[in-house]
Amino acid sequence: MPVEWVISLLSLFGVNSILLFFVKRYFDKRDKREQAAEKEKETLYLRIDNSLETLRLLSYHRMSQEIERLLDQGYATPAERRILDEMYHNYKAHGWNGDMDARLEKVYRLRTDGPER
């Protein structure tokens, strides 16, 4: 009878080991897929952050160009001010700061009509 118990115990441990092997293998594969998906997501977020930074720089540059053009022109029509306001509100909506407030104030102090011809 003790030999039968030993054989039963060895069989039980063998089956458990095989089951444990397959369960561990399944979870290891799943973990690797999850890690790969997380890495792809981090890469995507980094690309999005870089794209937003590029947009911020382009917005700043375009607003700067428009402000300088209007200051050189010496006046700003209501339509030009409205476009500049929209650009400014979009710029500020993203939480971006800079010297735009002071520069925009100079544009608001300009007259609204062109020089007499």
N, C-alpha and C. Protein backbone atom coordinates (compact mmCIF):
# COMPACT_ATOMS: atom_id res chain seq x y z
N MET A 1 0.80 -1.20 0.00
CA MET A 1 0.00 0.00 0.00
C MET A 1 0.85 1.27 0.00
N PRO A 2 1.95 1.30 0.70
CA PRO A 2 2.77 2.52 0.66
C PRO A 2 3.30 2.81 -0.74
N VAL A 3 3.56 1.80 -1.56
CA VAL A 3 4.05 2.03 -2.90
C VAL A 3 2.96 2.72 -3.73
N GLU A 4 1.73 2.33 -3.54
CA GLU A 4 0.63 2.96 -4.25
C GLU A 4 0.48 4.44 -3.86
N TRP A 5 0.69 4.72 -2.59
CA TRP A 5 0.63 6.12 -2.11
C TRP A 5 1.75 6.95 -2.73
N VAL A 6 2.91 6.38 -2.78
CA VAL A 6 4.04 7.09 -3.36
C VAL A 6 3.79 7.36 -4.84
N ILE A 7 3.29 6.37 -5.54
CA ILE A 7 3.00 6.54 -6.97
C ILE A 7 1.90 7.59 -7.16
N SER A 8 0.88 7.55 -6.32
CA SER A 8 -0.20 8.54 -6.40
C SER A 8 0.33 9.95 -6.14
N LEU A 9 1.16 10.10 -5.13
CA LEU A 9 1.73 11.42 -4.81
C LEU A 9 2.61 11.93 -5.95
N LEU A 10 3.44 11.06 -6.50
CA LEU A 10 4.30 11.46 -7.61
C LEU A 10 3.47 11.85 -8.82
N SER A 11 2.41 11.12 -9.09
CA SER A 11 1.53 11.45 -10.21
C SER A 11 0.85 12.79 -9.98
N LEU A 12 0.40 13.00 -8.76
CA LEU A 12 -0.25 14.26 -8.42
C LEU A 12 0.72 15.43 -8.59
N PHE A 13 1.95 15.29 -8.11
CA PHE A 13 2.94 16.36 -8.26
C PHE A 13 3.29 16.59 -9.73
N GLY A 14 3.34 15.53 -10.50
CA GLY A 14 3.63 15.65 -11.93
C GLY A 14 2.54 16.41 -12.66
N VAL A 15 1.29 16.08 -12.37
CA VAL A 15 0.16 16.77 -13.01
C VAL A 15 0.14 18.23 -12.59
N ASN A 16 0.38 18.48 -11.32
CA ASN A 16 0.42 19.86 -10.82
C ASN A 16 1.54 20.65 -11.50
N SER A 17 2.68 20.02 -11.66
CA SER A 17 3.80 20.71 -12.31
C SER A 17 3.48 21.06 -13.75
N ILE A 18 2.85 20.13 -14.46
CA ILE A 18 2.48 20.38 -15.86
C ILE A 18 1.44 21.50 -15.93
N LEU A 19 0.44 21.45 -15.06
CA LEU A 19 -0.57 22.51 -15.04
C LEU A 19 0.06 23.86 -14.70
N LEU A 20 0.92 23.86 -13.72
CA LEU A 20 1.59 25.10 -13.32
C LEU A 20 2.42 25.66 -14.48
N PHE A 21 3.09 24.79 -15.22
CA PHE A 21 3.88 25.21 -16.36
C PHE A 21 3.01 25.93 -17.40
N PHE A 22 1.86 25.34 -17.75
CA PHE A 22 1.00 25.94 -18.76
C PHE A 22 0.33 27.24 -18.26
N VAL A 23 -0.05 27.27 -17.01
CA VAL A 23 -0.64 28.49 -16.45
C VAL A 23 0.40 29.61 -16.44
N LYS A 24 1.59 29.29 -15.99
CA LYS A 24 2.66 30.30 -15.95
C LYS A 24 3.00 30.79 -17.35
N ARG A 25 3.05 29.89 -18.29
CA ARG A 25 3.34 30.25 -19.69
C ARG A 25 2.27 31.19 -20.25
N TYR A 26 1.01 30.88 -19.96
CA TYR A 26 -0.09 31.72 -20.43
C TYR A 26 0.03 33.15 -19.88
N PHE A 27 0.26 33.25 -18.56
CA PHE A 27 0.34 34.57 -17.95
C PHE A 27 1.60 35.32 -18.38
N ASP A 28 2.69 34.63 -18.61
CA ASP A 28 3.91 35.29 -19.11
C ASP A 28 3.68 35.89 -20.50
N LYS A 29 3.00 35.15 -21.37
CA LYS A 29 2.70 35.68 -22.71
C LYS A 29 1.77 36.89 -22.61
N ARG A 30 0.78 36.80 -21.75
CA ARG A 30 -0.15 37.91 -21.58
C ARG A 30 0.58 39.15 -21.04
N ASP A 31 1.46 38.94 -20.08
CA ASP A 31 2.24 40.06 -19.53
C ASP A 31 3.11 40.72 -20.59
N LYS A 32 3.72 39.91 -21.46
CA LYS A 32 4.55 40.47 -22.52
C LYS A 32 3.72 41.29 -23.50
N ARG A 33 2.51 40.79 -23.84
CA ARG A 33 1.62 41.56 -24.73
C ARG A 33 1.21 42.87 -24.08
N GLU A 34 0.89 42.83 -22.78
CA GLU A 34 0.50 44.04 -22.08
C GLU A 34 1.66 45.04 -22.01
N GLN A 35 2.87 44.55 -21.79
CA GLN A 35 4.03 45.43 -21.75
C GLN A 35 4.28 46.06 -23.12
N ALA A 36 4.12 45.28 -24.17
CA ALA A 36 4.30 45.81 -25.53
C ALA A 36 3.24 46.86 -25.83
N ALA A 37 2.00 46.60 -25.43
CA ALA A 37 0.93 47.58 -25.65
C ALA A 37 1.18 48.85 -24.85
N GLU A 38 1.67 48.73 -23.64
CA GLU A 38 1.98 49.90 -22.81
C GLU A 38 3.11 50.72 -23.43
N LYS A 39 4.11 50.04 -23.95
CA LYS A 39 5.22 50.75 -24.60
C LYS A 39 4.73 51.49 -25.84
N GLU A 40 3.86 50.86 -26.63
CA GLU A 40 3.29 51.53 -27.80
C GLU A 40 2.48 52.75 -27.40
N LYS A 41 1.73 52.62 -26.31
CA LYS A 41 0.93 53.75 -25.83
C LYS A 41 1.83 54.91 -25.37
N GLU A 42 2.90 54.59 -24.66
CA GLU A 42 3.83 55.63 -24.22
C GLU A 42 4.47 56.33 -25.42
N THR A 43 4.82 55.55 -26.44
CA THR A 43 5.40 56.12 -27.66
C THR A 43 4.40 57.05 -28.34
N LEU A 44 3.15 56.63 -28.40
CA LEU A 44 2.10 57.46 -28.99
C LEU A 44 1.93 58.76 -28.22
N TYR A 45 1.89 58.68 -26.89
CA TYR A 45 1.75 59.89 -26.07
C TYR A 45 2.93 60.84 -26.27
N LEU A 46 4.11 60.29 -26.40
CA LEU A 46 5.29 61.12 -26.64
C LEU A 46 5.17 61.84 -27.98
N ARG A 47 4.70 61.13 -29.00
CA ARG A 47 4.52 61.74 -30.32
C ARG A 47 3.45 62.83 -30.26
N ILE A 48 2.38 62.58 -29.52
CA ILE A 48 1.33 63.59 -29.38
C ILE A 48 1.87 64.82 -28.67
N ASP A 49 2.64 64.61 -27.59
CA ASP A 49 3.24 65.75 -26.87
C ASP A 49 4.16 66.55 -27.78
N ASN A 50 4.95 65.87 -28.59
CA ASN A 50 5.84 66.56 -29.53
C ASN A 50 5.04 67.34 -30.56
N SER A 51 3.94 66.76 -31.03
CA SER A 51 3.09 67.44 -32.01
C SER A 51 2.46 68.69 -31.41
N LEU A 52 1.99 68.59 -30.17
CA LEU A 52 1.41 69.76 -29.51
C LEU A 52 2.45 70.86 -29.29
N GLU A 53 3.65 70.46 -28.96
CA GLU A 53 4.71 71.45 -28.79
C GLU A 53 5.01 72.16 -30.11
N THR A 54 5.00 71.40 -31.19
CA THR A 54 5.22 71.98 -32.52
C THR A 54 4.10 72.96 -32.85
N LEU A 55 2.86 72.58 -32.57
CA LEU A 55 1.72 73.48 -32.80
C LEU A 55 1.84 74.75 -31.97
N ARG A 56 2.28 74.60 -30.73
CA ARG A 56 2.46 75.77 -29.86
C ARG A 56 3.48 76.72 -30.47
N LEU A 57 4.59 76.17 -30.92
CA LEU A 57 5.63 77.01 -31.51
C LEU A 57 5.14 77.69 -32.79
N LEU A 58 4.42 76.94 -33.62
CA LEU A 58 3.89 77.52 -34.85
C LEU A 58 2.84 78.59 -34.55
N SER A 59 2.00 78.36 -33.56
CA SER A 59 1.00 79.36 -33.18
C SER A 59 1.68 80.64 -32.70
N TYR A 60 2.69 80.47 -31.85
CA TYR A 60 3.41 81.63 -31.35
C TYR A 60 4.06 82.40 -32.50
N HIS A 61 4.69 81.66 -33.39
CA HIS A 61 5.37 82.29 -34.51
C HIS A 61 4.38 83.04 -35.41
N ARG A 62 3.27 82.41 -35.71
CA ARG A 62 2.27 83.04 -36.59
C ARG A 62 1.66 84.28 -35.94
N MET A 63 1.37 84.19 -34.65
CA MET A 63 0.84 85.38 -33.94
C MET A 63 1.88 86.49 -33.94
N SER A 64 3.12 86.13 -33.71
CA SER A 64 4.19 87.13 -33.71
C SER A 64 4.30 87.82 -35.07
N GLN A 65 4.23 87.03 -36.13
CA GLN A 65 4.28 87.60 -37.48
C GLN A 65 3.12 88.57 -37.70
N GLU A 66 1.94 88.15 -37.33
CA GLU A 66 0.75 88.99 -37.55
C GLU A 66 0.83 90.27 -36.73
N ILE A 67 1.26 90.18 -35.49
CA ILE A 67 1.40 91.36 -34.64
C ILE A 67 2.42 92.32 -35.24
N GLU A 68 3.56 91.79 -35.65
CA GLU A 68 4.60 92.64 -36.24
C GLU A 68 4.11 93.28 -37.54
N ARG A 69 3.38 92.53 -38.33
CA ARG A 69 2.84 93.09 -39.58
C ARG A 69 1.89 94.25 -39.29
N LEU A 70 1.02 94.06 -38.31
CA LEU A 70 0.07 95.12 -37.97
C LEU A 70 0.77 96.34 -37.37
N LEU A 71 1.77 96.11 -36.54
CA LEU A 71 2.51 97.23 -35.95
C LEU A 71 3.27 97.99 -37.04
N ASP A 72 3.86 97.29 -37.99
CA ASP A 72 4.55 97.95 -39.10
C ASP A 72 3.56 98.69 -39.99
N GLN A 73 2.39 98.11 -40.15
CA GLN A 73 1.35 98.72 -40.98
C GLN A 73 0.83 100.02 -40.34
N GLY A 74 0.83 100.04 -39.01
CA GLY A 74 0.42 101.25 -38.30
C GLY A 74 -1.06 101.32 -37.97
N TYR A 75 -1.82 100.37 -38.39
CA TYR A 75 -3.24 100.31 -38.05
C TYR A 75 -3.70 98.86 -38.13
N ALA A 76 -4.86 98.59 -37.50
CA ALA A 76 -5.43 97.24 -37.52
C ALA A 76 -6.93 97.37 -37.70
N THR A 77 -7.43 96.83 -38.77
CA THR A 77 -8.87 96.91 -39.04
C THR A 77 -9.61 96.00 -38.05
N PRO A 78 -10.91 96.22 -37.88
CA PRO A 78 -11.67 95.33 -36.98
C PRO A 78 -11.57 93.86 -37.40
N ALA A 79 -11.57 93.58 -38.69
CA ALA A 79 -11.45 92.19 -39.15
C ALA A 79 -10.09 91.60 -38.77
N GLU A 80 -9.03 92.38 -38.91
CA GLU A 80 -7.69 91.90 -38.55
C GLU A 80 -7.60 91.67 -37.04
N ARG A 81 -8.22 92.55 -36.27
CA ARG A 81 -8.22 92.39 -34.81
C ARG A 81 -9.00 91.14 -34.41
N ARG A 82 -10.11 90.88 -35.09
CA ARG A 82 -10.94 89.73 -34.77
C ARG A 82 -10.15 88.43 -35.02
N ILE A 83 -9.44 88.38 -36.14
CA ILE A 83 -8.63 87.19 -36.44
C ILE A 83 -7.53 87.02 -35.39
N LEU A 84 -6.89 88.13 -35.05
CA LEU A 84 -5.84 88.08 -34.04
C LEU A 84 -6.41 87.65 -32.68
N ASP A 85 -7.61 88.14 -32.34
CA ASP A 85 -8.25 87.73 -31.09
C ASP A 85 -8.53 86.22 -31.08
N GLU A 86 -9.00 85.69 -32.18
CA GLU A 86 -9.27 84.26 -32.25
C GLU A 86 -7.99 83.46 -32.07
N MET A 87 -6.93 83.90 -32.71
CA MET A 87 -5.63 83.22 -32.56
C MET A 87 -5.17 83.29 -31.11
N TYR A 88 -5.35 84.45 -30.49
CA TYR A 88 -4.91 84.66 -29.11
C TYR A 88 -5.72 83.78 -28.14
N HIS A 89 -7.03 83.74 -28.31
CA HIS A 89 -7.86 82.93 -27.41
C HIS A 89 -7.55 81.45 -27.55
N ASN A 90 -7.29 81.01 -28.75
CA ASN A 90 -6.89 79.62 -28.97
C ASN A 90 -5.54 79.35 -28.30
N TYR A 91 -4.64 80.29 -28.45
CA TYR A 91 -3.31 80.18 -27.84
C TYR A 91 -3.43 80.08 -26.32
N LYS A 92 -4.24 80.95 -25.73
CA LYS A 92 -4.40 80.96 -24.28
C LYS A 92 -5.19 79.75 -23.78
N ALA A 93 -6.13 79.24 -24.60
CA ALA A 93 -6.94 78.09 -24.18
C ALA A 93 -6.08 76.86 -23.90
N HIS A 94 -4.93 76.80 -24.52
CA HIS A 94 -4.02 75.68 -24.29
C HIS A 94 -3.13 75.91 -23.07
N GLY A 95 -3.34 77.03 -22.40
CA GLY A 95 -2.56 77.31 -21.20
C GLY A 95 -1.18 77.87 -21.49
N TRP A 96 -0.95 78.31 -22.70
CA TRP A 96 0.36 78.81 -23.06
C TRP A 96 0.46 80.29 -22.68
N ASN A 97 1.59 80.65 -22.17
CA ASN A 97 1.84 82.02 -21.76
C ASN A 97 3.03 82.56 -22.53
N GLY A 98 3.23 83.80 -22.38
CA GLY A 98 4.36 84.41 -23.06
C GLY A 98 4.19 85.91 -23.04
N ASP A 99 4.82 86.55 -23.99
CA ASP A 99 4.78 88.01 -24.04
C ASP A 99 3.64 88.51 -24.92
N MET A 100 2.70 87.66 -25.26
CA MET A 100 1.63 88.04 -26.19
C MET A 100 0.71 89.12 -25.61
N ASP A 101 0.48 89.12 -24.31
CA ASP A 101 -0.41 90.11 -23.72
C ASP A 101 0.08 91.53 -24.01
N ALA A 102 1.34 91.79 -23.74
CA ALA A 102 1.90 93.13 -23.94
C ALA A 102 1.94 93.48 -25.43
N ARG A 103 2.29 92.52 -26.24
CA ARG A 103 2.38 92.78 -27.68
C ARG A 103 1.00 93.03 -28.28
N LEU A 104 0.01 92.28 -27.81
CA LEU A 104 -1.35 92.44 -28.30
C LEU A 104 -1.92 93.80 -27.88
N GLU A 105 -1.54 94.25 -26.71
CA GLU A 105 -2.01 95.56 -26.23
C GLU A 105 -1.53 96.67 -27.17
N LYS A 106 -0.33 96.53 -27.71
CA LYS A 106 0.17 97.51 -28.67
C LYS A 106 -0.71 97.55 -29.92
N VAL A 107 -1.17 96.40 -30.35
CA VAL A 107 -2.04 96.33 -31.53
C VAL A 107 -3.38 96.99 -31.22
N TYR A 108 -3.91 96.77 -30.02
CA TYR A 108 -5.20 97.37 -29.66
C TYR A 108 -5.11 98.90 -29.60
N ARG A 109 -3.93 99.44 -29.35
CA ARG A 109 -3.77 100.90 -29.29
C ARG A 109 -3.67 101.53 -30.68
N LEU A 110 -3.50 100.70 -31.71
CA LEU A 110 -3.42 101.23 -33.07
C LEU A 110 -4.79 101.73 -33.51
N ARG A 111 -4.78 102.66 -34.46
CA ARG A 111 -6.06 103.11 -35.02
C ARG A 111 -6.64 101.99 -35.89
N THR A 112 -7.95 102.10 -36.19
CA THR A 112 -8.63 101.03 -36.91
C THR A 112 -8.77 101.28 -38.40
N ASP A 113 -8.40 102.46 -38.85
CA ASP A 113 -8.51 102.72 -40.29
C ASP A 113 -7.13 103.01 -40.86
N GLY A 114 -7.02 102.79 -42.16
CA GLY A 114 -5.75 103.00 -42.84
C GLY A 114 -5.46 104.47 -43.04
N PRO A 115 -4.25 104.78 -43.47
CA PRO A 115 -3.90 106.17 -43.72
C PRO A 115 -4.71 106.73 -44.89
N GLU A 116 -4.95 108.01 -44.82
CA GLU A 116 -5.68 108.70 -45.89
C GLU A 116 -4.86 108.64 -47.17
N ARG A 117 -5.56 108.42 -48.29
CA ARG A 117 -4.85 108.38 -49.58
C ARG A 117 -4.96 109.68 -50.28
